[in-house]
């Protein structure tokens, strides 16, 4: 399996200032307002945004199912990039990596999510839906619905 097959990249323009979008990723009280697929809500968000710091989020689905993901920040470049590991509590041996890049583009902030090192194609495809819906929620939270690129 080629490495690129087990990664996904999504780019979204959020019609909000870069500082607001970056804060949405780094402030637990803001993350809880948009994080996760449409059918979920954040029950808990703990973020220690520094190299070596940990994050943990707990999502509750509308049907009551609970999901917990956690990881460690590998790189933090405020306002520019976050890199962190990603592992569901149900499958801690399947650790992947997320790189989120932020940049100002015209009157918006472009967010690029690269999630790589998936164990298999099914894991990649399952995360595509989750990240797509999370970014839709972030765009709506940011103020004005942003367009995909």
N, C-alpha and C. Protein backbone atom coordinates (compact mmCIF):
# COMPACT_ATOMS: atom_id res chain seq x y z
N UNK A 1 0.84 -1.18 0.00
CA UNK A 1 0.00 0.00 0.00
C UNK A 1 0.89 1.24 0.00
N UNK A 2 0.63 2.17 -0.88
CA UNK A 2 1.40 3.40 -1.00
C UNK A 2 0.99 4.35 0.13
N UNK A 3 1.96 5.08 0.68
CA UNK A 3 1.68 5.98 1.81
C UNK A 3 0.56 6.96 1.49
N UNK A 4 0.51 7.50 0.27
CA UNK A 4 -0.52 8.48 -0.07
C UNK A 4 -1.91 7.87 -0.05
N UNK A 5 -2.00 6.54 -0.21
CA UNK A 5 -3.30 5.89 -0.14
C UNK A 5 -3.86 5.90 1.27
N UNK A 6 -2.99 5.98 2.26
CA UNK A 6 -3.45 5.96 3.64
C UNK A 6 -3.38 7.36 4.27
N UNK A 7 -3.63 8.36 3.44
CA UNK A 7 -3.71 9.72 3.95
C UNK A 7 -4.85 10.45 3.28
N UNK A 8 -5.28 11.52 3.90
CA UNK A 8 -6.30 12.37 3.26
C UNK A 8 -5.94 13.81 3.54
N UNK A 9 -6.29 14.65 2.58
CA UNK A 9 -6.06 16.09 2.71
C UNK A 9 -7.35 16.81 2.38
N UNK A 10 -7.76 17.70 3.27
CA UNK A 10 -8.94 18.53 3.06
C UNK A 10 -8.54 19.99 3.22
N UNK A 11 -9.04 20.83 2.34
CA UNK A 11 -8.77 22.26 2.40
C UNK A 11 -10.10 22.98 2.49
N UNK A 12 -10.19 23.92 3.42
CA UNK A 12 -11.44 24.65 3.63
C UNK A 12 -11.11 26.11 3.90
N UNK A 13 -11.87 26.99 3.27
CA UNK A 13 -11.73 28.42 3.56
C UNK A 13 -12.82 28.81 4.55
N UNK A 14 -12.37 29.39 5.65
CA UNK A 14 -13.27 29.82 6.72
C UNK A 14 -13.32 31.34 6.70
N UNK A 15 -14.49 31.89 6.57
CA UNK A 15 -14.63 33.35 6.49
C UNK A 15 -14.57 33.96 7.89
N UNK A 16 -13.36 33.91 8.43
CA UNK A 16 -13.07 34.48 9.75
C UNK A 16 -11.58 34.77 9.80
N UNK A 17 -11.17 35.70 10.67
CA UNK A 17 -9.75 36.01 10.79
C UNK A 17 -8.95 34.81 11.28
N UNK A 18 -7.70 34.75 10.86
CA UNK A 18 -6.83 33.65 11.23
C UNK A 18 -6.77 33.45 12.74
N UNK A 19 -6.67 34.52 13.51
CA UNK A 19 -6.57 34.39 14.97
C UNK A 19 -7.80 33.69 15.55
N UNK A 20 -8.97 33.99 15.01
CA UNK A 20 -10.21 33.35 15.49
C UNK A 20 -10.23 31.86 15.13
N UNK A 21 -9.81 31.53 13.93
CA UNK A 21 -9.80 30.13 13.49
C UNK A 21 -8.76 29.33 14.27
N UNK A 22 -7.58 29.90 14.45
CA UNK A 22 -6.56 29.21 15.23
C UNK A 22 -7.04 28.98 16.66
N UNK A 23 -7.67 29.98 17.25
CA UNK A 23 -8.21 29.83 18.61
C UNK A 23 -9.25 28.72 18.68
N UNK A 24 -10.02 28.55 17.61
CA UNK A 24 -11.03 27.49 17.59
C UNK A 24 -10.39 26.11 17.71
N UNK A 25 -9.14 25.98 17.30
CA UNK A 25 -8.41 24.71 17.38
C UNK A 25 -7.63 24.56 18.68
N UNK A 26 -7.41 25.65 19.40
CA UNK A 26 -6.50 25.61 20.54
C UNK A 26 -7.14 25.97 21.88
N UNK A 27 -8.37 26.45 21.87
CA UNK A 27 -9.09 26.81 23.10
C UNK A 27 -10.19 25.75 23.30
N UNK A 28 -10.12 24.96 24.38
CA UNK A 28 -11.09 23.88 24.56
C UNK A 28 -12.54 24.35 24.58
N UNK A 29 -12.79 25.55 25.10
CA UNK A 29 -14.18 26.03 25.14
C UNK A 29 -14.69 26.36 23.74
N UNK A 30 -13.82 26.74 22.84
CA UNK A 30 -14.21 27.01 21.46
C UNK A 30 -14.28 25.72 20.64
N UNK A 31 -13.33 24.82 20.85
CA UNK A 31 -13.31 23.55 20.14
C UNK A 31 -14.63 22.81 20.33
N UNK A 32 -15.16 22.89 21.54
CA UNK A 32 -16.41 22.21 21.85
C UNK A 32 -17.61 22.74 21.09
N UNK A 33 -17.48 23.89 20.46
CA UNK A 33 -18.60 24.48 19.73
C UNK A 33 -18.74 23.96 18.30
N UNK A 34 -17.69 23.32 17.78
CA UNK A 34 -17.74 22.92 16.37
C UNK A 34 -17.14 21.54 16.08
N UNK A 35 -16.36 20.99 16.94
CA UNK A 35 -15.59 19.76 16.69
C UNK A 35 -16.50 18.56 16.51
N UNK A 36 -16.19 17.73 15.55
CA UNK A 36 -16.88 16.46 15.36
C UNK A 36 -17.91 16.49 14.24
N UNK A 37 -18.34 15.30 13.82
CA UNK A 37 -19.37 15.20 12.79
C UNK A 37 -20.69 15.81 13.24
N UNK A 38 -21.59 16.03 12.30
CA UNK A 38 -22.87 16.69 12.57
C UNK A 38 -23.69 16.00 13.65
N UNK A 39 -23.63 14.71 13.73
CA UNK A 39 -24.48 13.95 14.66
C UNK A 39 -23.82 13.76 16.04
N UNK A 40 -22.83 14.60 16.36
CA UNK A 40 -22.13 14.48 17.64
C UNK A 40 -22.09 15.82 18.37
N UNK A 41 -21.76 15.73 19.64
CA UNK A 41 -21.47 16.93 20.43
C UNK A 41 -20.27 16.60 21.32
N UNK A 42 -19.51 17.62 21.67
CA UNK A 42 -18.33 17.44 22.51
C UNK A 42 -18.76 17.40 23.97
N UNK A 43 -18.43 16.31 24.63
CA UNK A 43 -18.68 16.19 26.07
C UNK A 43 -17.51 16.71 26.88
N UNK A 44 -16.31 16.52 26.37
CA UNK A 44 -15.10 16.98 27.07
C UNK A 44 -14.03 17.32 26.05
N UNK A 45 -13.28 18.37 26.32
CA UNK A 45 -12.15 18.76 25.49
C UNK A 45 -11.04 19.25 26.40
N UNK A 46 -9.91 18.59 26.32
CA UNK A 46 -8.73 18.97 27.10
C UNK A 46 -7.59 19.17 26.11
N UNK A 47 -7.02 20.37 26.11
CA UNK A 47 -5.95 20.70 25.17
C UNK A 47 -4.78 21.33 25.91
N UNK A 48 -3.62 20.76 25.79
CA UNK A 48 -2.38 21.33 26.32
C UNK A 48 -1.50 21.60 25.10
N UNK A 49 -1.76 22.73 24.45
CA UNK A 49 -1.19 23.02 23.14
C UNK A 49 0.25 23.52 23.27
N UNK A 50 1.14 22.55 23.32
CA UNK A 50 2.59 22.79 23.35
C UNK A 50 3.24 21.49 22.91
N UNK A 51 4.44 21.56 22.39
CA UNK A 51 5.13 20.35 21.97
C UNK A 51 5.24 19.42 23.19
N UNK A 52 4.77 18.20 23.02
CA UNK A 52 4.75 17.24 24.11
C UNK A 52 3.48 17.27 24.94
N UNK A 53 2.65 18.29 24.72
CA UNK A 53 1.38 18.39 25.44
C UNK A 53 0.36 17.42 24.87
N UNK A 54 -0.60 17.06 25.68
CA UNK A 54 -1.62 16.10 25.27
C UNK A 54 -2.94 16.79 24.97
N UNK A 55 -3.74 16.14 24.13
CA UNK A 55 -5.13 16.56 23.94
C UNK A 55 -6.01 15.33 24.11
N UNK A 56 -7.26 15.58 24.46
CA UNK A 56 -8.26 14.53 24.60
C UNK A 56 -9.62 15.14 24.33
N UNK A 57 -10.39 14.51 23.46
CA UNK A 57 -11.76 14.94 23.24
C UNK A 57 -12.68 13.73 23.35
N UNK A 58 -13.85 13.97 23.90
CA UNK A 58 -14.87 12.95 24.02
C UNK A 58 -16.09 13.44 23.25
N UNK A 59 -16.55 12.62 22.31
CA UNK A 59 -17.72 12.95 21.50
C UNK A 59 -18.87 12.03 21.90
N UNK A 60 -20.08 12.58 21.92
CA UNK A 60 -21.29 11.79 22.16
C UNK A 60 -22.16 11.92 20.92
N UNK A 61 -22.51 10.77 20.34
CA UNK A 61 -23.40 10.76 19.18
C UNK A 61 -24.84 10.98 19.62
N UNK A 62 -25.69 11.39 18.69
CA UNK A 62 -27.10 11.57 18.98
C UNK A 62 -27.74 10.28 19.51
N UNK A 63 -27.22 9.13 19.09
CA UNK A 63 -27.77 7.85 19.54
C UNK A 63 -27.21 7.40 20.89
N UNK A 64 -26.33 8.23 21.49
CA UNK A 64 -25.78 7.91 22.80
C UNK A 64 -24.39 7.31 22.78
N UNK A 65 -23.93 6.82 21.63
CA UNK A 65 -22.59 6.24 21.55
C UNK A 65 -21.54 7.29 21.92
N UNK A 66 -20.48 6.84 22.59
CA UNK A 66 -19.42 7.73 23.07
C UNK A 66 -18.11 7.33 22.40
N UNK A 67 -17.35 8.34 21.96
CA UNK A 67 -16.06 8.12 21.30
C UNK A 67 -15.03 9.06 21.91
N UNK A 68 -13.85 8.52 22.18
CA UNK A 68 -12.79 9.32 22.77
C UNK A 68 -11.53 9.20 21.93
N UNK A 69 -10.94 10.34 21.61
CA UNK A 69 -9.69 10.38 20.85
C UNK A 69 -8.70 11.24 21.62
N UNK A 70 -7.43 10.85 21.52
CA UNK A 70 -6.40 11.62 22.20
C UNK A 70 -5.11 11.57 21.39
N UNK A 71 -4.17 12.40 21.80
CA UNK A 71 -2.89 12.43 21.13
C UNK A 71 -1.94 13.38 21.81
N UNK A 72 -0.80 13.54 21.17
CA UNK A 72 0.29 14.38 21.69
C UNK A 72 0.67 15.37 20.59
N UNK A 73 0.87 16.63 20.97
CA UNK A 73 1.32 17.65 20.02
C UNK A 73 2.79 17.42 19.69
N UNK A 74 3.07 17.26 18.40
CA UNK A 74 4.44 17.05 17.93
C UNK A 74 5.09 18.36 17.50
N UNK A 75 4.28 19.31 17.01
CA UNK A 75 4.77 20.62 16.58
C UNK A 75 3.66 21.64 16.79
N UNK A 76 4.04 22.81 17.27
CA UNK A 76 3.09 23.91 17.47
C UNK A 76 3.77 25.18 16.97
N UNK A 77 3.23 25.75 15.91
CA UNK A 77 3.70 27.02 15.36
C UNK A 77 2.49 27.94 15.38
N UNK A 78 2.31 28.72 16.47
CA UNK A 78 1.08 29.49 16.67
C UNK A 78 0.67 30.29 15.44
N UNK A 79 -0.60 30.12 15.07
CA UNK A 79 -1.15 30.82 13.93
C UNK A 79 -0.77 30.24 12.58
N UNK A 80 0.07 29.21 12.58
CA UNK A 80 0.52 28.64 11.31
C UNK A 80 0.27 27.14 11.19
N UNK A 81 0.63 26.39 12.24
CA UNK A 81 0.53 24.94 12.08
C UNK A 81 0.46 24.23 13.44
N UNK A 82 -0.32 23.14 13.44
CA UNK A 82 -0.38 22.21 14.56
C UNK A 82 -0.14 20.81 13.99
N UNK A 83 0.66 20.02 14.66
CA UNK A 83 0.88 18.63 14.27
C UNK A 83 0.69 17.80 15.54
N UNK A 84 -0.15 16.76 15.43
CA UNK A 84 -0.40 15.94 16.60
C UNK A 84 -0.70 14.50 16.21
N UNK A 85 -0.43 13.59 17.16
CA UNK A 85 -0.80 12.20 16.95
C UNK A 85 -2.30 12.07 17.21
N UNK A 86 -2.86 10.95 16.75
CA UNK A 86 -4.31 10.74 16.82
C UNK A 86 -4.56 9.26 17.06
N UNK A 87 -5.23 8.93 18.17
CA UNK A 87 -5.57 7.54 18.45
C UNK A 87 -6.89 7.48 19.20
N UNK A 88 -7.80 6.67 18.71
CA UNK A 88 -9.07 6.44 19.40
C UNK A 88 -8.81 5.55 20.60
N UNK A 89 -9.50 5.79 21.70
CA UNK A 89 -9.29 4.98 22.90
C UNK A 89 -9.63 3.51 22.63
N UNK A 90 -10.53 3.28 21.68
CA UNK A 90 -10.92 1.90 21.34
C UNK A 90 -9.85 1.16 20.53
N UNK A 91 -8.96 1.90 19.87
CA UNK A 91 -7.89 1.28 19.07
C UNK A 91 -6.59 2.06 19.26
N UNK A 92 -6.02 2.06 20.47
CA UNK A 92 -4.82 2.88 20.73
C UNK A 92 -3.60 2.47 19.91
N UNK A 93 -3.58 1.24 19.43
CA UNK A 93 -2.44 0.78 18.64
C UNK A 93 -2.46 1.35 17.22
N UNK A 94 -3.57 1.94 16.81
CA UNK A 94 -3.71 2.50 15.46
C UNK A 94 -3.49 4.01 15.49
N UNK A 95 -2.29 4.41 15.78
CA UNK A 95 -1.97 5.83 15.89
C UNK A 95 -1.68 6.42 14.51
N UNK A 96 -2.33 7.53 14.23
CA UNK A 96 -2.08 8.25 12.98
C UNK A 96 -1.60 9.66 13.34
N UNK A 97 -1.44 10.50 12.33
CA UNK A 97 -0.91 11.85 12.55
C UNK A 97 -1.77 12.86 11.80
N UNK A 98 -1.99 14.01 12.44
CA UNK A 98 -2.76 15.11 11.84
C UNK A 98 -1.88 16.34 11.78
N UNK A 99 -1.85 16.98 10.62
CA UNK A 99 -1.16 18.26 10.44
C UNK A 99 -2.20 19.27 9.97
N UNK A 100 -2.36 20.33 10.75
CA UNK A 100 -3.32 21.38 10.41
C UNK A 100 -2.52 22.64 10.12
N UNK A 101 -2.71 23.20 8.92
CA UNK A 101 -2.00 24.40 8.51
C UNK A 101 -3.01 25.52 8.30
N UNK A 102 -2.65 26.70 8.75
CA UNK A 102 -3.52 27.88 8.66
C UNK A 102 -2.81 28.95 7.84
N UNK A 103 -3.57 29.63 6.97
CA UNK A 103 -3.00 30.79 6.27
C UNK A 103 -4.11 31.72 5.85
N UNK A 104 -3.80 33.01 5.87
CA UNK A 104 -4.75 34.02 5.46
C UNK A 104 -4.82 34.05 3.94
N UNK A 105 -6.04 34.01 3.41
CA UNK A 105 -6.28 34.07 1.97
C UNK A 105 -7.42 35.06 1.76
N UNK A 106 -7.10 36.19 1.19
CA UNK A 106 -8.08 37.26 0.96
C UNK A 106 -8.77 37.58 2.28
N UNK A 107 -10.09 37.43 2.35
CA UNK A 107 -10.84 37.79 3.57
C UNK A 107 -11.18 36.56 4.41
N UNK A 108 -10.38 35.52 4.28
CA UNK A 108 -10.67 34.26 4.97
C UNK A 108 -9.39 33.62 5.49
N UNK A 109 -9.58 32.53 6.19
CA UNK A 109 -8.46 31.70 6.64
C UNK A 109 -8.59 30.36 5.96
N UNK A 110 -7.54 29.96 5.29
CA UNK A 110 -7.52 28.65 4.66
C UNK A 110 -6.95 27.65 5.67
N UNK A 111 -7.71 26.60 5.91
CA UNK A 111 -7.30 25.54 6.82
C UNK A 111 -7.07 24.29 5.98
N UNK A 112 -5.89 23.71 6.10
CA UNK A 112 -5.57 22.46 5.43
C UNK A 112 -5.36 21.39 6.50
N UNK A 113 -6.13 20.33 6.41
CA UNK A 113 -5.99 19.20 7.32
C UNK A 113 -5.41 18.04 6.52
N UNK A 114 -4.21 17.62 6.92
CA UNK A 114 -3.58 16.43 6.35
C UNK A 114 -3.59 15.39 7.46
N UNK A 115 -4.32 14.33 7.25
CA UNK A 115 -4.36 13.23 8.23
C UNK A 115 -3.73 12.04 7.54
N UNK A 116 -2.61 11.56 8.08
CA UNK A 116 -1.89 10.47 7.42
C UNK A 116 -1.54 9.36 8.42
N UNK A 117 -0.92 8.34 7.86
CA UNK A 117 -0.50 7.17 8.62
C UNK A 117 -1.68 6.34 9.13
N UNK A 118 -2.74 6.30 8.34
CA UNK A 118 -3.88 5.44 8.70
C UNK A 118 -3.47 3.98 8.57
N UNK A 119 -4.09 3.14 9.37
CA UNK A 119 -3.80 1.70 9.33
C UNK A 119 -4.27 1.07 8.02
N UNK A 120 -5.37 1.60 7.46
CA UNK A 120 -5.91 1.03 6.23
C UNK A 120 -6.84 2.04 5.55
N UNK A 121 -7.32 1.65 4.38
CA UNK A 121 -8.18 2.55 3.59
C UNK A 121 -9.53 2.80 4.26
N UNK A 122 -10.07 1.82 4.94
CA UNK A 122 -11.36 2.01 5.63
C UNK A 122 -11.23 3.08 6.71
N UNK A 123 -10.15 3.03 7.47
CA UNK A 123 -9.92 4.05 8.51
C UNK A 123 -9.83 5.43 7.86
N UNK A 124 -9.10 5.53 6.75
CA UNK A 124 -8.99 6.81 6.04
C UNK A 124 -10.36 7.30 5.61
N UNK A 125 -11.14 6.43 5.00
CA UNK A 125 -12.45 6.82 4.50
C UNK A 125 -13.41 7.23 5.62
N UNK A 126 -13.36 6.53 6.74
CA UNK A 126 -14.19 6.90 7.89
C UNK A 126 -13.82 8.28 8.41
N UNK A 127 -12.54 8.59 8.43
CA UNK A 127 -12.10 9.90 8.92
C UNK A 127 -12.41 11.02 7.93
N UNK A 128 -12.48 10.70 6.65
CA UNK A 128 -12.82 11.73 5.65
C UNK A 128 -14.17 12.36 5.99
N UNK A 129 -15.15 11.52 6.30
CA UNK A 129 -16.48 12.04 6.65
C UNK A 129 -16.41 12.90 7.91
N UNK A 130 -15.73 12.39 8.93
CA UNK A 130 -15.63 13.14 10.18
C UNK A 130 -14.97 14.49 10.02
N UNK A 131 -13.84 14.52 9.31
CA UNK A 131 -13.15 15.79 9.10
C UNK A 131 -13.96 16.73 8.21
N UNK A 132 -14.59 16.19 7.18
CA UNK A 132 -15.41 17.04 6.30
C UNK A 132 -16.51 17.73 7.09
N UNK A 133 -17.22 16.96 7.91
CA UNK A 133 -18.32 17.53 8.69
C UNK A 133 -17.80 18.47 9.78
N UNK A 134 -16.67 18.15 10.39
CA UNK A 134 -16.09 19.06 11.38
C UNK A 134 -15.74 20.40 10.74
N UNK A 135 -15.13 20.36 9.56
CA UNK A 135 -14.77 21.61 8.89
C UNK A 135 -16.01 22.38 8.44
N UNK A 136 -17.08 21.69 8.08
CA UNK A 136 -18.34 22.38 7.78
C UNK A 136 -18.86 23.10 9.02
N UNK A 137 -18.79 22.42 10.15
CA UNK A 137 -19.24 23.03 11.40
C UNK A 137 -18.35 24.22 11.78
N UNK A 138 -17.04 24.08 11.57
CA UNK A 138 -16.12 25.19 11.85
C UNK A 138 -16.45 26.39 10.97
N UNK A 139 -16.72 26.14 9.69
CA UNK A 139 -17.05 27.23 8.77
C UNK A 139 -18.33 27.95 9.23
N UNK A 140 -19.32 27.19 9.65
CA UNK A 140 -20.58 27.80 10.13
C UNK A 140 -20.32 28.57 11.42
N UNK A 141 -19.52 28.01 12.31
CA UNK A 141 -19.19 28.69 13.56
C UNK A 141 -18.40 29.96 13.29
N UNK A 142 -17.53 29.93 12.30
CA UNK A 142 -16.68 31.07 11.98
C UNK A 142 -17.44 32.32 11.60
N UNK A 143 -18.70 32.15 11.27
CA UNK A 143 -19.51 33.32 10.98
C UNK A 143 -20.26 33.22 9.68
N UNK A 144 -19.54 33.01 8.59
CA UNK A 144 -20.15 32.94 7.27
C UNK A 144 -19.74 31.62 6.66
N UNK A 145 -20.67 30.91 6.12
CA UNK A 145 -20.37 29.60 5.53
C UNK A 145 -19.24 29.75 4.51
N UNK A 146 -18.18 28.98 4.71
CA UNK A 146 -17.02 29.01 3.81
C UNK A 146 -17.17 28.03 2.70
N UNK A 147 -16.45 28.22 1.62
CA UNK A 147 -16.53 27.31 0.47
C UNK A 147 -15.37 26.36 0.43
N UNK A 148 -15.62 25.15 -0.03
CA UNK A 148 -14.54 24.19 -0.22
C UNK A 148 -13.69 24.61 -1.40
N UNK A 149 -12.47 24.18 -1.36
CA UNK A 149 -11.59 24.38 -2.51
C UNK A 149 -11.11 23.07 -2.98
